[in-house]
């Protein structure tokens, strides 16, 4: 009896191997897409939560007397409008985010203004003995440092140097009591799905002036 050779009979295993390889690659690609999509959704959610946290702070600033914003949200407690240490300050929490492991207080957000700590000069005649600043025959102690809102700070992202009190000049004086424009930077940092994340928002607050007809 003569046996006939059928070429297709030997291709079954090869075809099966090819099909299994294609299936494995497809499953791998699909799994990667699922993981990537899930990660991107988590990133988008974190970004939205951080943005809402920054937006809440800005809205809170809009809902208070404009002249109190700097004193309320800066890092120096001594100028708080309600008394030293009574204001929220420059650090805030954002619910829904994980703080960084190196966060000093477990909070996520920080508020910045164009300001710096400055020791003001002693007033003339301090101590009652003329311009020498003597007190009981000894030099009077220098004034305590204070946080000053400055026009001469250099930070392009915040739009300074800039005239903050509307006198058409940029000087090196403290404008914490007479500003009409207030540059603000809000930063939110957190431990995210893909590592440390940071959101920065720069904005400019202005005093609303009503004009009577």
Protein backbone atom coordinates (compact mmCIF):
# COMPACT_ATOMS: atom_id res chain seq x y z
CA UNK A 1 0.00 0.00 0.00
CA UNK A 2 1.32 3.37 -0.91
CA UNK A 3 0.88 6.11 1.75
CA UNK A 4 0.23 9.55 0.45
CA UNK A 5 1.84 12.59 2.14
CA UNK A 6 -0.50 15.39 3.15
CA UNK A 7 1.46 18.64 3.64
CA UNK A 8 -1.27 20.26 5.74
CA UNK A 9 -1.04 17.61 8.45
CA UNK A 10 2.37 18.83 9.61
CA UNK A 11 1.31 22.48 9.87
CA UNK A 12 -1.09 22.08 12.77
CA UNK A 13 1.52 22.44 15.52
CA UNK A 14 3.18 25.39 13.75
CA UNK A 15 -0.12 27.14 13.28
CA UNK A 16 -1.03 26.55 16.90
CA UNK A 17 2.31 27.98 18.01
CA UNK A 18 1.81 31.08 15.88
CA UNK A 19 -1.73 31.56 17.17
CA UNK A 20 -0.60 31.18 20.80
CA UNK A 21 2.23 33.65 20.24
CA UNK A 22 -0.12 36.20 18.72
CA UNK A 23 -2.60 35.65 21.55
CA UNK A 24 0.11 36.10 24.20
CA UNK A 25 1.32 39.32 22.58
CA UNK A 26 -2.25 40.61 22.33
CA UNK A 27 -2.94 39.84 25.99
CA UNK A 28 0.31 41.53 26.99
CA UNK A 29 -0.55 44.64 24.99
CA UNK A 30 -4.09 44.72 26.38
CA UNK A 31 -2.83 44.28 29.95
CA UNK A 32 -0.34 47.10 29.43
CA UNK A 33 -3.09 49.35 28.12
CA UNK A 34 -5.27 48.56 31.14
CA UNK A 35 -2.45 49.34 33.56
CA UNK A 36 -1.52 52.54 31.71
CA UNK A 37 -5.15 53.67 31.58
CA UNK A 38 -5.62 52.99 35.29
CA UNK A 39 -2.42 54.88 36.10
CA UNK A 40 -3.43 57.84 33.94
CA UNK A 41 -6.85 57.96 35.59
CA UNK A 42 -5.17 58.05 39.00
CA UNK A 43 -2.84 60.84 37.83
CA UNK A 44 -5.77 62.83 36.43
CA UNK A 45 -7.69 62.41 39.68
CA UNK A 46 -4.69 63.59 41.71
CA UNK A 47 -4.22 66.61 39.44
CA UNK A 48 -7.89 67.52 39.79
CA UNK A 49 -7.77 67.21 43.59
CA UNK A 50 -4.62 69.35 43.79
CA UNK A 51 -6.14 71.98 41.49
CA UNK A 52 -9.30 72.08 43.60
CA UNK A 53 -7.18 72.57 46.72
CA UNK A 54 -5.40 75.54 45.15
CA UNK A 55 -8.70 76.93 43.86
CA UNK A 56 -10.22 76.71 47.34
CA UNK A 57 -7.38 78.82 48.79
CA UNK A 58 -7.78 81.45 46.06
CA UNK A 59 -11.54 81.61 46.64
CA UNK A 60 -10.94 81.96 50.38
CA UNK A 61 -8.69 84.95 49.66
CA UNK A 62 -11.39 86.52 47.49
CA UNK A 63 -13.96 86.08 50.28
CA UNK A 64 -12.06 88.08 52.91
CA UNK A 65 -11.07 91.75 53.23
CA UNK A 66 -8.41 92.33 50.61
CA UNK A 67 -6.14 94.19 53.01
CA UNK A 68 -6.01 91.12 55.31
CA UNK A 69 -4.98 88.56 52.68
CA UNK A 70 -1.22 89.00 53.00
CA UNK A 71 -1.24 88.99 56.80
CA UNK A 72 -3.60 86.01 56.95
CA UNK A 73 -1.76 83.71 54.57
CA UNK A 74 1.92 84.58 54.96
CA UNK A 75 4.46 82.61 56.99
CA UNK A 76 4.89 85.19 59.78
CA UNK A 77 2.40 84.72 62.64
CA UNK A 78 3.11 88.04 64.37
CA UNK A 79 1.06 90.08 61.90
CA UNK A 80 -2.08 87.91 61.94
CA UNK A 81 -5.17 90.18 61.84
CA UNK A 82 -6.78 88.47 64.83
CA UNK A 83 -3.61 88.34 66.92
CA UNK A 84 -0.34 86.43 66.70
CA UNK A 85 -0.83 82.82 65.65
CA UNK A 86 -4.57 83.06 64.91
CA UNK A 87 -4.47 82.98 61.09
CA UNK A 88 -4.24 79.87 58.87
CA UNK A 89 -0.76 80.85 57.67
CA UNK A 90 1.06 79.71 54.57
CA UNK A 91 0.58 75.93 54.88
CA UNK A 92 -2.65 74.04 54.13
CA UNK A 93 -4.00 70.53 53.72
CA UNK A 94 -5.57 69.06 50.58
CA UNK A 95 -7.90 66.18 51.40
CA UNK A 96 -7.53 63.19 49.12
CA UNK A 97 -3.77 63.45 48.58
CA UNK A 98 -0.91 61.67 50.34
CA UNK A 99 1.67 64.05 51.84
CA UNK A 100 5.34 63.67 51.03
CA UNK A 101 7.36 61.68 53.51
CA UNK A 102 9.59 64.70 54.13
CA UNK A 103 6.70 67.10 54.71
CA UNK A 104 7.52 68.92 57.98
CA UNK A 105 3.90 69.08 59.14
CA UNK A 106 2.09 66.47 57.04
CA UNK A 107 0.46 69.17 54.91
CA UNK A 108 0.43 69.43 51.13
CA UNK A 109 0.13 73.11 50.17
CA UNK A 110 2.18 76.24 50.60
CA UNK A 111 1.47 79.90 49.79
CA UNK A 112 4.13 82.37 48.66
CA UNK A 113 4.17 86.15 48.30
CA UNK A 114 6.97 88.47 47.11
CA UNK A 115 8.23 89.16 50.61
CA UNK A 116 11.25 88.83 52.86
CA UNK A 117 12.21 89.15 56.52
CA UNK A 118 13.73 92.58 57.15
CA UNK A 119 15.01 94.27 60.30
CA UNK A 120 13.78 97.87 60.06
CA UNK A 121 16.13 100.69 61.10
CA UNK A 122 15.79 102.06 64.62
CA UNK A 123 13.67 105.23 64.74
CA UNK A 124 15.49 108.48 65.28
CA UNK A 125 15.62 109.43 68.95
CA UNK A 126 14.69 105.96 70.23
CA UNK A 127 15.27 105.82 73.94
CA UNK A 128 14.51 109.50 74.43
CA UNK A 129 18.13 110.67 74.13
CA UNK A 130 18.27 111.95 70.58
CA UNK A 131 19.31 110.14 67.44
CA UNK A 132 21.80 107.87 69.14
CA UNK A 133 19.16 105.34 70.10
CA UNK A 134 20.33 105.11 73.71
CA UNK A 135 18.29 103.54 76.46
CA UNK A 136 19.55 104.02 80.01
CA UNK A 137 22.93 105.03 78.69
CA UNK A 138 23.23 101.88 76.55
CA UNK A 139 22.43 101.33 72.89
CA UNK A 140 18.78 100.38 72.45
CA UNK A 141 18.18 96.89 71.03
CA UNK A 142 17.44 96.85 67.30
CA UNK A 143 13.82 96.41 66.22
CA UNK A 144 12.60 92.86 65.68
CA UNK A 145 12.66 91.53 62.12
CA UNK A 146 9.36 91.75 60.27
CA UNK A 147 7.99 90.19 57.11
CA UNK A 148 7.71 92.86 54.43
CA UNK A 149 5.74 92.72 51.19
CA UNK A 150 8.18 94.07 48.62
CA UNK A 151 7.99 95.48 45.12
CA UNK A 152 11.68 94.87 44.38
CA UNK A 153 11.63 91.07 44.70
CA UNK A 154 12.77 89.49 41.43
CA UNK A 155 10.54 86.61 40.32
CA UNK A 156 9.33 86.59 36.74
CA UNK A 157 6.73 83.87 37.39
CA UNK A 158 5.02 86.08 39.99
CA UNK A 159 5.32 89.19 37.80
CA UNK A 160 7.70 91.08 40.07
CA UNK A 161 9.41 93.54 40.36
CA UNK A 162 6.12 95.40 40.12
CA UNK A 163 4.37 98.49 41.43
CA UNK A 164 2.04 97.07 44.09
CA UNK A 165 0.54 100.22 45.61
CA UNK A 166 -0.21 102.19 42.46
CA UNK A 167 2.26 105.06 42.91
CA UNK A 168 3.92 104.33 39.52
CA UNK A 169 7.24 103.46 41.19
CA UNK A 170 9.01 100.27 42.25
CA UNK A 171 10.78 100.87 45.54
CA UNK A 172 12.39 98.90 48.37
CA UNK A 173 9.78 99.70 51.02
CA UNK A 174 7.24 97.55 52.87
CA UNK A 175 3.83 97.55 51.17
CA UNK A 176 2.00 95.11 53.41
CA UNK A 177 -0.38 97.89 54.49
CA UNK A 178 -1.03 99.69 51.19
CA UNK A 179 -0.92 97.12 48.38
CA UNK A 180 -3.49 97.30 45.61
CA UNK A 181 -2.05 94.34 43.70
CA UNK A 182 -0.98 91.11 45.41
CA UNK A 183 1.00 88.45 43.52
CA UNK A 184 0.39 84.96 44.91
CA UNK A 185 1.96 81.58 44.24
CA UNK A 186 0.31 78.38 45.46
CA UNK A 187 2.18 75.09 45.41
CA UNK A 188 0.72 71.67 46.18
CA UNK A 189 3.11 68.73 46.64
CA UNK A 190 2.12 65.12 47.25
CA UNK A 191 3.21 61.50 46.95
CA UNK A 192 1.40 60.36 43.84
CA UNK A 193 0.88 57.20 41.85
CA UNK A 194 4.06 57.78 39.84
CA UNK A 195 6.16 59.37 42.60
CA UNK A 196 6.48 62.87 43.96
CA UNK A 197 4.15 65.35 42.22
CA UNK A 198 3.85 69.13 42.32
CA UNK A 199 1.25 71.62 41.09
CA UNK A 200 2.09 75.34 40.92
CA UNK A 201 -0.45 78.12 40.41
CA UNK A 202 0.62 81.76 39.99
CA UNK A 203 -2.08 84.40 40.16
CA UNK A 204 -2.53 88.11 40.81
CA UNK A 205 -5.14 89.47 43.21
CA UNK A 206 -6.32 93.05 42.90
CA UNK A 207 -8.34 95.36 45.11
CA UNK A 208 -11.75 96.16 43.68
CA UNK A 209 -12.32 99.92 43.70
CA UNK A 210 -15.84 101.21 43.34
CA UNK A 211 -16.32 104.46 41.45
CA UNK A 212 -19.42 106.52 42.20
CA UNK A 213 -20.96 108.23 39.18
